[in-house]
């Protein structure tokens, strides 16, 4: 028996999360379910992608990730829900672009799930599919192999000899700004050179180990546990203080060699 994780935009005020868990218990009373979060912003695929991509690899291979975000999907009719295998993990989600973003369009396996008429697809379609896989069932038992999916594209870094241009992909609970600039990109383009990070009207001249390396109230840059460049303000809300938000531009510049 595998583990099921549960991520949704259902919030914590209503019965929606409990209804899905009740369905799982009806189907498999001993099935373990672990919540990732139910505070994803409603219908926000980018937020769900960031949270899921940041944590799914920390779970054992074979874990089934049940995603109830924007769960009526981006494609109507047949194929509105899907199950996928990627990096040894299973995912069940609406066909709304999230799985194409997560897998970069290259899942190891992908099937369409049946599309009954329901007002609660996470409870009635995705939860049973997650239980089936967690209990040892095959993806191919769930539906036909998918030949196409609803497509969304990840924003790509712009890499130049002396500059990296990226964007904010998430603002976390503390107001820290997570970007799509990776440690690898900085190391490859930087080649050991010092760098300056430019955003809004601010310039930071170093990437440090943790936010507390700066004085309280100062802007600071670190790499987080996913090796993404993050911008924060020590003991402050960076997004509000700097006027930055999702998709704001961030530049890293290196001195010209020679």
Protein backbone atom coordinates (compact mmCIF):
# COMPACT_ATOMS: atom_id res chain seq x y z
CA UNK A 1 0.00 0.00 0.00
CA UNK A 2 1.39 3.37 -1.03
CA UNK A 3 0.95 6.80 0.49
CA UNK A 4 -1.49 9.38 -0.90
CA UNK A 5 -0.72 13.07 -0.49
CA UNK A 6 -3.47 15.64 -0.91
CA UNK A 7 -3.05 19.19 -2.25
CA UNK A 8 -6.00 21.45 -3.01
CA UNK A 9 -7.42 24.95 -3.23
CA UNK A 10 -10.39 23.95 -1.04
CA UNK A 11 -9.38 26.01 2.00
CA UNK A 12 -10.02 25.11 5.63
CA UNK A 13 -13.47 26.64 6.28
CA UNK A 14 -15.74 24.21 4.47
CA UNK A 15 -16.37 20.46 4.25
CA UNK A 16 -14.68 19.87 0.89
CA UNK A 17 -11.43 18.36 2.20
CA UNK A 18 -13.31 16.10 4.61
CA UNK A 19 -15.61 14.91 1.81
CA UNK A 20 -12.63 13.76 -0.28
CA UNK A 21 -11.03 12.00 2.69
CA UNK A 22 -14.34 10.33 3.53
CA UNK A 23 -14.49 8.96 -0.02
CA UNK A 24 -10.96 7.59 0.33
CA UNK A 25 -11.88 5.95 3.63
CA UNK A 26 -14.97 4.36 2.06
CA UNK A 27 -12.84 2.84 -0.68
CA UNK A 28 -9.83 1.85 1.48
CA UNK A 29 -10.29 2.37 5.24
CA UNK A 30 -6.62 1.77 6.06
CA UNK A 31 -5.23 3.99 3.28
CA UNK A 32 -2.78 6.61 4.65
CA UNK A 33 -3.36 10.17 3.43
CA UNK A 34 -1.05 13.09 4.19
CA UNK A 35 -2.09 16.70 3.56
CA UNK A 36 0.39 18.95 1.76
CA UNK A 37 -1.78 22.10 1.84
CA UNK A 38 -5.34 23.18 1.20
CA UNK A 39 -4.48 26.89 1.14
CA UNK A 40 -3.52 27.08 -2.55
CA UNK A 41 -5.01 30.26 -3.98
CA UNK A 42 -8.26 29.34 -5.78
CA UNK A 43 -7.64 28.14 -9.35
CA UNK A 44 -3.98 29.22 -9.14
CA UNK A 45 -1.99 26.66 -11.16
CA UNK A 46 1.32 28.49 -10.64
CA UNK A 47 0.91 28.36 -6.85
CA UNK A 48 -0.01 24.67 -6.91
CA UNK A 49 2.90 23.88 -9.21
CA UNK A 50 5.40 25.63 -6.96
CA UNK A 51 4.23 23.85 -3.82
CA UNK A 52 3.99 20.41 -5.42
CA UNK A 53 7.31 20.66 -7.28
CA UNK A 54 9.04 21.85 -4.10
CA UNK A 55 8.03 18.84 -2.01
CA UNK A 56 6.94 15.76 -3.99
CA UNK A 57 10.49 14.35 -4.30
CA UNK A 58 10.78 14.30 -0.50
CA UNK A 59 8.16 11.54 -0.35
CA UNK A 60 8.95 7.88 -1.05
CA UNK A 61 9.02 6.73 -4.66
CA UNK A 62 5.62 5.30 -5.50
CA UNK A 63 3.68 7.96 -3.59
CA UNK A 64 0.42 9.05 -5.23
CA UNK A 65 -0.16 12.82 -5.27
CA UNK A 66 -3.84 13.81 -5.39
CA UNK A 67 -4.19 17.38 -6.68
CA UNK A 68 -7.56 19.10 -6.32
CA UNK A 69 -6.73 22.52 -7.75
CA UNK A 70 -8.90 24.07 -10.48
CA UNK A 71 -10.31 20.57 -10.63
CA UNK A 72 -12.80 21.05 -13.45
CA UNK A 73 -9.80 21.45 -15.74
CA UNK A 74 -8.86 23.44 -18.77
CA UNK A 75 -10.27 20.98 -21.32
CA UNK A 76 -13.98 20.17 -21.37
CA UNK A 77 -15.43 16.73 -21.95
CA UNK A 78 -13.37 13.56 -22.34
CA UNK A 79 -9.87 13.85 -20.98
CA UNK A 80 -10.65 16.51 -18.39
CA UNK A 81 -8.81 14.49 -15.72
CA UNK A 82 -5.56 12.58 -15.92
CA UNK A 83 -3.18 10.28 -14.06
CA UNK A 84 0.57 10.38 -14.68
CA UNK A 85 3.83 8.74 -13.69
CA UNK A 86 6.85 11.05 -13.35
CA UNK A 87 10.19 10.43 -11.61
CA UNK A 88 8.72 7.36 -9.92
CA UNK A 89 5.77 9.28 -8.44
CA UNK A 90 2.12 9.13 -9.45
CA UNK A 91 -0.12 12.17 -9.92
CA UNK A 92 -3.87 12.49 -10.41
CA UNK A 93 -5.13 15.94 -11.38
CA UNK A 94 -7.39 17.85 -13.71
CA UNK A 95 -6.20 18.29 -17.27
CA UNK A 96 -5.56 21.99 -16.63
CA UNK A 97 -1.89 22.34 -17.57
CA UNK A 98 -0.42 21.56 -14.16
CA UNK A 99 0.91 18.12 -15.15
CA UNK A 100 2.44 19.42 -18.37
CA UNK A 101 4.25 22.12 -16.38
CA UNK A 102 5.38 19.71 -13.66
CA UNK A 103 6.71 17.12 -16.10
CA UNK A 104 7.84 19.62 -18.75
CA UNK A 105 5.54 17.73 -21.09
CA UNK A 106 7.48 14.49 -20.64
CA UNK A 107 5.72 12.16 -18.18
CA UNK A 108 6.80 8.54 -18.14
CA UNK A 109 3.14 7.53 -18.52
CA UNK A 110 -0.11 9.46 -18.88
CA UNK A 111 -3.74 8.30 -19.09
CA UNK A 112 -7.09 10.02 -19.34
CA UNK A 113 -9.62 9.29 -16.60
CA UNK A 114 -13.36 8.78 -17.19
CA UNK A 115 -15.34 12.00 -17.39
CA UNK A 116 -18.68 11.51 -15.60
CA UNK A 117 -20.98 14.42 -14.87
CA UNK A 118 -20.09 15.56 -11.35
CA UNK A 119 -19.85 18.77 -9.37
CA UNK A 120 -17.04 17.30 -7.22
CA UNK A 121 -14.41 15.78 -9.53
CA UNK A 122 -11.70 15.55 -6.87
CA UNK A 123 -14.03 13.44 -4.70
CA UNK A 124 -15.71 11.45 -7.47
CA UNK A 125 -12.96 11.02 -10.09
CA UNK A 126 -9.50 11.81 -8.72
CA UNK A 127 -9.80 10.25 -5.26
CA UNK A 128 -10.88 6.81 -6.56
CA UNK A 129 -8.07 6.90 -9.12
CA UNK A 130 -5.55 7.76 -6.40
CA UNK A 131 -6.78 4.89 -4.23
CA UNK A 132 -6.59 2.47 -7.16
CA UNK A 133 -2.92 3.28 -7.79
CA UNK A 134 -1.97 3.46 -4.09
CA UNK A 135 -3.47 -0.01 -3.62
CA UNK A 136 -1.24 -1.40 -6.37
CA UNK A 137 -3.43 -0.93 -9.44
CA UNK A 138 -2.05 0.01 -12.85
CA UNK A 139 -2.44 3.38 -14.53
CA UNK A 140 -3.62 1.63 -17.67
CA UNK A 141 -6.58 0.21 -15.72
CA UNK A 142 -7.87 3.75 -15.22
CA UNK A 143 -8.35 4.82 -18.83
CA UNK A 144 -6.82 5.17 -22.29
CA UNK A 145 -3.30 6.41 -22.87
CA UNK A 146 -3.32 10.18 -23.37
CA UNK A 147 -2.03 11.43 -26.70
CA UNK A 148 -2.43 15.13 -25.92
CA UNK A 149 -2.95 17.39 -22.92
CA UNK A 150 -3.93 20.94 -22.11
CA UNK A 151 -0.72 22.91 -22.50
CA UNK A 152 0.78 25.66 -20.37
CA UNK A 153 4.40 26.76 -20.75
CA UNK A 154 6.92 27.48 -18.02
CA UNK A 155 8.57 30.89 -18.26
CA UNK A 156 12.18 30.31 -19.30
CA UNK A 157 15.33 32.00 -18.04
CA UNK A 158 17.14 34.36 -20.37
CA UNK A 159 20.83 33.49 -20.22
CA UNK A 160 23.58 35.73 -21.60
CA UNK A 161 27.37 35.77 -21.12
CA UNK A 162 27.23 38.30 -18.31
CA UNK A 163 23.58 38.34 -17.26
CA UNK A 164 20.69 36.13 -16.16
CA UNK A 165 17.12 37.39 -16.37
CA UNK A 166 14.45 35.55 -14.42
CA UNK A 167 11.15 36.18 -12.72
CA UNK A 168 9.36 35.72 -9.41
CA UNK A 169 7.37 32.48 -9.50
CA UNK A 170 5.96 32.54 -5.96
CA UNK A 171 5.52 34.77 -2.93
CA UNK A 172 5.55 32.66 0.23
CA UNK A 173 3.77 33.09 3.58
CA UNK A 174 6.54 35.37 4.89
CA UNK A 175 6.55 37.58 1.81
CA UNK A 176 9.78 36.08 0.47
CA UNK A 177 10.08 36.10 -3.32
CA UNK A 178 11.05 32.78 -4.92
CA UNK A 179 12.44 33.08 -8.45
CA UNK A 180 13.03 30.65 -11.30
CA UNK A 181 16.78 31.39 -11.21
CA UNK A 182 18.62 28.23 -10.20
CA UNK A 183 21.93 27.82 -8.43
CA UNK A 184 23.14 25.84 -11.46
CA UNK A 185 22.39 28.74 -13.83
CA UNK A 186 24.29 31.16 -11.58
CA UNK A 187 27.29 28.82 -11.36
CA UNK A 188 27.37 28.10 -15.11
CA UNK A 189 26.97 31.70 -16.27
CA UNK A 190 28.93 33.24 -13.40
CA UNK A 191 32.01 31.02 -13.70
CA UNK A 192 33.12 32.07 -10.24
CA UNK A 193 32.67 35.81 -10.83
CA UNK A 194 31.03 38.07 -8.24
CA UNK A 195 27.48 39.07 -9.02
CA UNK A 196 24.94 41.77 -8.29
CA UNK A 197 21.22 41.04 -8.08
CA UNK A 198 18.88 43.75 -9.38
CA UNK A 199 15.13 43.98 -8.66
CA UNK A 200 12.77 46.93 -8.32
CA UNK A 201 15.10 49.80 -7.35
CA UNK A 202 17.31 47.61 -5.19
CA UNK A 203 20.73 46.05 -5.73
CA UNK A 204 22.09 43.23 -3.59
CA UNK A 205 25.76 42.45 -3.98
CA UNK A 206 25.99 38.91 -2.65
CA UNK A 207 24.07 35.68 -2.20
CA UNK A 208 24.35 34.58 1.43
CA UNK A 209 23.53 31.42 3.39
CA UNK A 210 20.38 32.61 5.19
CA UNK A 211 18.11 35.64 5.59
CA UNK A 212 19.53 36.50 9.04
CA UNK A 213 22.90 37.28 7.44
CA UNK A 214 21.53 40.75 6.67
CA UNK A 215 20.58 43.42 9.20
CA UNK A 216 16.88 43.63 10.12
CA UNK A 217 15.02 45.53 7.42
CA UNK A 218 17.66 44.94 4.73
CA UNK A 219 17.05 43.07 1.49
CA UNK A 220 18.91 39.78 1.20
CA UNK A 221 19.29 36.98 -1.37
CA UNK A 222 19.74 33.27 -0.67
CA UNK A 223 19.33 29.92 -2.39
CA UNK A 224 16.49 27.93 -0.83
CA UNK A 225 16.37 24.16 -0.29
CA UNK A 226 15.29 23.69 -3.93
CA UNK A 227 18.35 25.72 -5.02
CA UNK A 228 16.23 28.60 -6.33
CA UNK A 229 17.25 32.20 -5.79
CA UNK A 230 15.04 33.85 -3.16
CA UNK A 231 14.75 37.50 -2.21
CA UNK A 232 13.73 38.44 1.31
CA UNK A 233 13.84 41.24 3.82
CA UNK A 234 15.19 40.19 7.20
CA UNK A 235 12.21 40.31 9.59
CA UNK A 236 10.10 42.01 6.92
CA UNK A 237 7.62 41.23 4.14
CA UNK A 238 9.73 41.55 0.98
CA UNK A 239 6.85 41.59 -1.50
CA UNK A 240 5.13 44.50 0.23
CA UNK A 241 8.30 46.45 1.08
CA UNK A 242 9.87 46.05 -2.37
CA UNK A 243 6.69 46.27 -4.44
CA UNK A 244 7.37 42.95 -6.16
CA UNK A 245 4.92 40.17 -6.95
CA UNK A 246 4.41 37.11 -9.16
CA UNK A 247 6.21 37.49 -12.51
CA UNK A 248 8.30 40.52 -11.45
CA UNK A 249 11.65 40.59 -13.22
CA UNK A 250 14.93 39.83 -11.44
CA UNK A 251 18.37 40.25 -13.04
CA UNK A 252 21.75 38.88 -12.01
CA UNK A 253 24.72 40.66 -13.57
CA UNK A 254 28.37 39.64 -13.72
CA UNK A 255 31.42 41.77 -14.60
CA UNK A 256 32.64 41.50 -18.19
CA UNK A 257 35.72 39.30 -18.42
CA UNK A 258 38.93 40.45 -20.04
